[in-house]
Amino acid sequence: MDVRGAVAVVTGASSGIGAATALRLHEAGARLVLHGRDGDRLAALAERTGGVAVRADFAEPGGVEAAAAEITARAGRVDVLVNNAGLGYAGPVAGMSGADVRRLLAVNLTAPVELTRALLPALLDRPRAAVVFVTSIAGRAGVAGESVYSATKAGVDVFAESLRLELAGTGVRVGVVVPGVVDTEFFARRGRPYQRRSPRPVPAGKVAQAVVEAITAERAEQYVPRWLRLPIAVRATAPSVYRALSARFGGSS
């Protein structure tokens, strides 16, 4: 798919992977609709890229519906939707409040499902369109201390796969980008910094490039970095071996 002149919606564009993705799409010639919670950062990015800023908190009741209505009204059409917005949480499940759980579910799982549903008619109206979900390796392997976060990302993964099957034969392509540890503010915001020696965090720009490639090359799935396919392959083919290795070398990040 050629993104030159395409209208691309990027959620969670205030910082991190979302901001990097917006810049890559801008460089490729896309017209941007930028969603985020940080109004100042969003406005600065919109000014830099000539994009339209849509400020909304997906954790708030009605936040997704309001954002979808504003996107539709201001964009006129939608060719690309990048579902990137997300929150993290580090700590045992027993230490979470009900509000913590609901917020993670709302932003990480309900929001991308609802926004995709709301914008799908506009996407289907285009001769060629794309929906890309930024998930996490935590949703495929599970991570101690991130149980709810991992569950939300796994839910997005299955939704994307099911949607891909549902939209077969239409002009809408569905892609998933599965990053590992990324060098962004995510870890500070989740309440605990990343402390492991390996794997080393990858730049947000590397994930952004994978998102753009998922759109332009119509790729169904990409891992960042690519070697992350290996532990998932082991988990699928030799689950007992994977669990033994995970118990020995794994743990929370």
Protein backbone atom coordinates (compact mmCIF):
# COMPACT_ATOMS: atom_id res chain seq x y z
CA MET A 1 0.00 0.00 0.00
CA ASP A 2 1.29 3.45 -0.92
CA VAL A 3 0.93 5.85 2.02
CA ARG A 4 1.62 9.00 0.02
CA GLY A 5 -1.45 11.17 0.48
CA ALA A 6 -3.12 8.56 2.69
CA VAL A 7 -4.93 9.70 5.83
CA ALA A 8 -3.30 7.87 8.73
CA VAL A 9 -4.67 7.83 12.28
CA VAL A 10 -2.06 7.12 14.96
CA THR A 11 -3.16 6.61 18.56
CA GLY A 12 -0.84 7.26 21.47
CA ALA A 13 1.10 9.72 19.32
CA SER A 14 2.12 12.05 22.16
CA SER A 15 5.39 10.17 22.73
CA GLY A 16 7.35 6.97 22.26
CA ILE A 17 6.43 4.53 19.50
CA GLY A 18 3.39 6.57 18.48
CA ALA A 19 5.35 9.79 17.97
CA ALA A 20 8.11 7.94 16.10
CA THR A 21 5.52 6.23 13.88
CA ALA A 22 3.85 9.55 13.11
CA LEU A 23 7.17 11.03 12.03
CA ARG A 24 7.96 8.05 9.79
CA LEU A 25 4.52 8.24 8.16
CA HIS A 26 4.92 11.98 7.68
CA GLU A 27 8.26 11.41 5.97
CA ALA A 28 6.57 8.85 3.72
CA GLY A 29 3.97 11.42 2.65
CA ALA A 30 0.96 10.49 4.76
CA ARG A 31 -1.56 12.99 6.12
CA LEU A 32 -1.78 12.51 9.87
CA VAL A 33 -4.51 12.44 12.47
CA LEU A 34 -2.75 12.28 15.83
CA HIS A 35 -4.37 11.03 19.01
CA GLY A 36 -2.91 11.39 22.49
CA ARG A 37 -3.48 12.54 26.05
CA ASP A 38 -0.68 15.11 26.34
CA GLY A 39 -2.09 18.20 24.66
CA ASP A 40 1.17 20.15 24.52
CA ARG A 41 3.21 17.34 22.99
CA LEU A 42 0.40 16.49 20.60
CA ALA A 43 0.12 20.10 19.44
CA ALA A 44 3.88 20.29 18.87
CA LEU A 45 3.87 17.12 16.80
CA ALA A 46 0.85 18.28 14.82
CA GLU A 47 2.61 21.55 14.04
CA ARG A 48 5.77 19.72 12.99
CA THR A 49 3.94 17.32 10.69
CA GLY A 50 0.96 19.38 9.57
CA GLY A 51 -1.30 16.82 11.23
CA VAL A 52 -4.61 17.11 13.02
CA ALA A 53 -4.51 16.70 16.81
CA VAL A 54 -7.27 14.80 18.60
CA ARG A 55 -6.84 14.84 22.36
CA ALA A 56 -8.70 12.11 24.27
CA ASP A 57 -8.23 9.85 27.27
CA PHE A 58 -9.33 6.34 26.32
CA ALA A 59 -9.65 5.41 29.99
CA GLU A 60 -12.49 7.88 30.44
CA PRO A 61 -16.09 6.81 29.69
CA GLY A 62 -17.02 7.91 26.20
CA GLY A 63 -13.42 8.80 25.34
CA VAL A 64 -13.10 6.42 22.41
CA GLU A 65 -16.50 7.30 20.96
CA ALA A 66 -15.73 11.02 21.14
CA ALA A 67 -12.33 10.51 19.51
CA ALA A 68 -13.83 8.40 16.71
CA ALA A 69 -16.46 11.04 15.99
CA GLU A 70 -13.86 13.82 15.92
CA ILE A 71 -11.54 11.79 13.69
CA THR A 72 -14.32 11.06 11.23
CA ALA A 73 -15.47 14.69 11.18
CA ARG A 74 -12.02 16.24 10.78
CA ALA A 75 -10.29 13.68 8.57
CA GLY A 76 -12.99 13.22 5.98
CA ARG A 77 -11.68 9.72 5.25
CA VAL A 78 -9.42 7.11 6.88
CA ASP A 79 -6.91 4.99 4.97
CA VAL A 80 -4.71 3.78 7.82
CA LEU A 81 -5.35 3.13 11.51
CA VAL A 82 -2.42 2.48 13.83
CA ASN A 83 -3.67 1.24 17.21
CA ASN A 84 -0.69 2.03 19.40
CA ALA A 85 -1.99 3.71 22.57
CA GLY A 86 -1.35 1.71 25.71
CA LEU A 87 -0.53 1.69 29.40
CA GLY A 88 1.75 -0.51 31.47
CA TYR A 89 1.67 -1.75 35.04
CA ALA A 90 4.44 -3.45 37.01
CA GLY A 91 3.62 -5.42 40.12
CA PRO A 92 1.79 -8.52 41.35
CA VAL A 93 -1.92 -8.89 40.62
CA ALA A 94 -2.73 -8.97 44.34
CA GLY A 95 -1.31 -5.46 44.68
CA MET A 96 -3.49 -3.98 41.94
CA SER A 97 -6.65 -2.07 42.64
CA GLY A 98 -9.83 -2.65 40.71
CA ALA A 99 -9.31 0.76 39.13
CA ASP A 100 -5.84 -0.29 37.94
CA VAL A 101 -7.26 -3.36 36.24
CA ARG A 102 -10.14 -1.49 34.63
CA ARG A 103 -7.86 1.23 33.31
CA LEU A 104 -5.49 -1.26 31.67
CA LEU A 105 -8.38 -3.15 30.11
CA ALA A 106 -10.00 0.06 28.88
CA VAL A 107 -6.93 1.59 27.24
CA ASN A 108 -5.07 -1.51 26.05
CA LEU A 109 -7.91 -3.76 24.93
CA THR A 110 -11.31 -2.09 24.79
CA ALA A 111 -10.06 1.09 23.10
CA PRO A 112 -8.40 -0.52 20.06
CA VAL A 113 -11.37 -2.84 19.57
CA GLU A 114 -13.88 0.00 19.85
CA LEU A 115 -11.92 2.45 17.71
CA THR A 116 -11.40 -0.15 15.00
CA ARG A 117 -15.09 -0.98 15.04
CA ALA A 118 -16.05 2.69 14.80
CA LEU A 119 -13.65 3.49 11.94
CA LEU A 120 -14.04 0.25 10.01
CA PRO A 121 -16.84 1.51 7.73
CA ALA A 122 -14.58 4.38 6.63
CA LEU A 123 -11.67 1.98 6.06
CA LEU A 124 -13.84 -0.42 4.06
CA ASP A 125 -14.95 2.50 1.90
CA ARG A 126 -11.38 2.92 0.60
CA PRO A 127 -9.98 0.84 -2.27
CA ARG A 128 -6.96 0.00 -0.11
CA ALA A 129 -6.62 0.45 3.65
CA ALA A 130 -4.67 -0.89 6.62
CA VAL A 131 -5.12 -1.48 10.34
CA VAL A 132 -1.97 -2.11 12.40
CA PHE A 133 -1.91 -3.10 16.05
CA VAL A 134 1.16 -2.53 18.21
CA THR A 135 1.05 -5.35 20.75
CA SER A 136 3.88 -6.73 22.92
CA ILE A 137 5.96 -9.83 23.38
CA ALA A 138 4.34 -9.96 26.82
CA GLY A 139 1.08 -10.87 25.10
CA ARG A 140 2.66 -13.92 23.49
CA ALA A 141 4.99 -15.18 26.19
CA GLY A 142 3.60 -13.80 29.45
CA VAL A 143 5.70 -11.85 31.95
CA ALA A 144 5.76 -12.21 35.73
CA GLY A 145 4.58 -9.04 37.40
CA GLU A 146 2.70 -7.94 34.26
CA SER A 147 -0.16 -10.41 34.20
CA VAL A 148 -2.99 -8.01 33.39
CA TYR A 149 -0.90 -6.06 30.90
CA SER A 150 0.08 -9.33 29.18
CA ALA A 151 -3.56 -10.41 29.06
CA THR A 152 -4.63 -7.18 27.38
CA LYS A 153 -1.96 -7.52 24.71
CA ALA A 154 -2.86 -11.17 24.11
CA GLY A 155 -6.46 -10.07 23.64
CA VAL A 156 -5.44 -7.53 21.01
CA ASP A 157 -3.39 -10.22 19.26
CA VAL A 158 -6.36 -12.55 18.94
CA PHE A 159 -8.67 -9.73 17.91
CA ALA A 160 -6.26 -8.75 15.13
CA GLU A 161 -5.97 -12.34 13.88
CA SER A 162 -9.74 -12.78 13.88
CA LEU A 163 -10.25 -9.44 12.16
CA ARG A 164 -7.73 -10.42 9.47
CA LEU A 165 -9.80 -13.52 8.70
CA GLU A 166 -13.03 -11.56 8.79
CA LEU A 167 -11.76 -8.95 6.33
CA ALA A 168 -10.27 -11.43 3.85
CA GLY A 169 -11.43 -10.46 0.38
CA THR A 170 -11.80 -6.76 1.25
CA GLY A 171 -9.34 -3.96 0.64
CA VAL A 172 -8.42 -3.71 4.33
CA ARG A 173 -5.20 -5.39 5.45
CA VAL A 174 -4.50 -6.15 9.11
CA GLY A 175 -1.00 -6.21 10.59
CA VAL A 176 0.51 -6.77 14.02
CA VAL A 177 3.85 -5.45 15.26
CA VAL A 178 5.20 -7.29 18.31
CA PRO A 179 7.94 -5.31 20.07
CA GLY A 180 10.06 -6.44 22.97
CA VAL A 181 11.73 -3.90 25.24
CA VAL A 182 11.66 -0.43 23.70
CA ASP A 183 13.59 2.65 24.81
CA THR A 184 10.67 4.95 25.70
CA GLU A 185 9.06 6.50 28.80
CA PHE A 186 6.80 3.45 29.10
CA PHE A 187 8.76 1.82 31.92
CA ALA A 188 8.96 4.95 34.04
CA ARG A 189 5.23 5.50 33.64
CA ARG A 190 4.31 1.93 34.58
CA GLY A 191 5.85 2.45 38.02
CA ARG A 192 9.11 0.55 37.73
CA PRO A 193 12.11 1.16 35.43
CA TYR A 194 13.54 -1.57 33.24
CA GLN A 195 16.36 -3.17 35.22
CA ARG A 196 17.42 -6.29 33.33
CA ARG A 197 20.79 -6.42 31.57
CA SER A 198 19.31 -8.18 28.57
CA PRO A 199 17.64 -7.92 26.23
CA ARG A 200 18.69 -4.34 25.58
CA PRO A 201 15.95 -1.86 24.68
CA VAL A 202 15.56 -1.07 20.99
CA PRO A 203 14.93 2.50 19.75
CA ALA A 204 11.32 3.55 19.21
CA GLY A 205 12.22 4.40 15.63
CA LYS A 206 12.94 0.74 14.90
CA VAL A 207 9.43 -0.23 15.96
CA ALA A 208 8.01 2.70 13.99
CA GLN A 209 9.78 1.45 10.87
CA ALA A 210 8.22 -1.97 11.39
CA VAL A 211 4.78 -0.34 11.63
CA VAL A 212 5.32 1.51 8.36
CA GLU A 213 6.54 -1.70 6.70
CA ALA A 214 3.46 -3.54 7.97
CA ILE A 215 1.39 -0.95 6.10
CA THR A 216 3.39 -0.53 2.91
CA ALA A 217 4.43 -4.17 2.45
CA GLU A 218 1.11 -5.45 3.87
CA ARG A 219 2.85 -7.73 6.35
CA ALA A 220 0.66 -9.64 8.76
CA GLU A 221 3.20 -9.91 11.57
CA GLN A 222 6.55 -8.47 12.56
CA TYR A 223 8.68 -8.93 15.67
CA VAL A 224 11.04 -6.19 16.86
CA PRO A 225 13.76 -7.35 17.21
CA ARG A 226 13.32 -10.30 14.87
CA TRP A 227 14.97 -12.85 17.17
CA LEU A 228 11.91 -12.68 19.44
CA ARG A 229 10.32 -15.20 17.10
CA LEU A 230 12.61 -17.86 18.55
CA PRO A 231 11.29 -18.10 22.13
CA ILE A 232 7.73 -18.01 20.79
CA ALA A 233 8.55 -20.86 18.41
CA VAL A 234 10.00 -22.84 21.33
CA ARG A 235 6.89 -22.13 23.38
CA ALA A 236 4.70 -23.48 20.58
CA THR A 237 6.73 -26.60 19.78
CA ALA A 238 8.22 -27.51 23.15
CA PRO A 239 6.13 -25.87 25.87
CA SER A 240 7.66 -27.82 28.76
CA VAL A 241 11.16 -26.77 27.70
CA TYR A 242 10.00 -23.17 27.32
CA ARG A 243 8.45 -23.12 30.80
CA ALA A 244 11.56 -24.59 32.38
CA LEU A 245 13.78 -22.01 30.71
CA SER A 246 11.35 -19.22 31.53
CA ALA A 247 11.29 -20.19 35.19
CA ARG A 248 15.07 -20.25 35.30
CA PHE A 249 15.90 -17.12 33.34
CA GLY A 250 12.63 -15.24 33.21
CA GLY A 251 10.92 -13.04 35.71
CA SER A 252 9.53 -9.56 35.62
CA SER A 253 11.17 -6.79 33.62
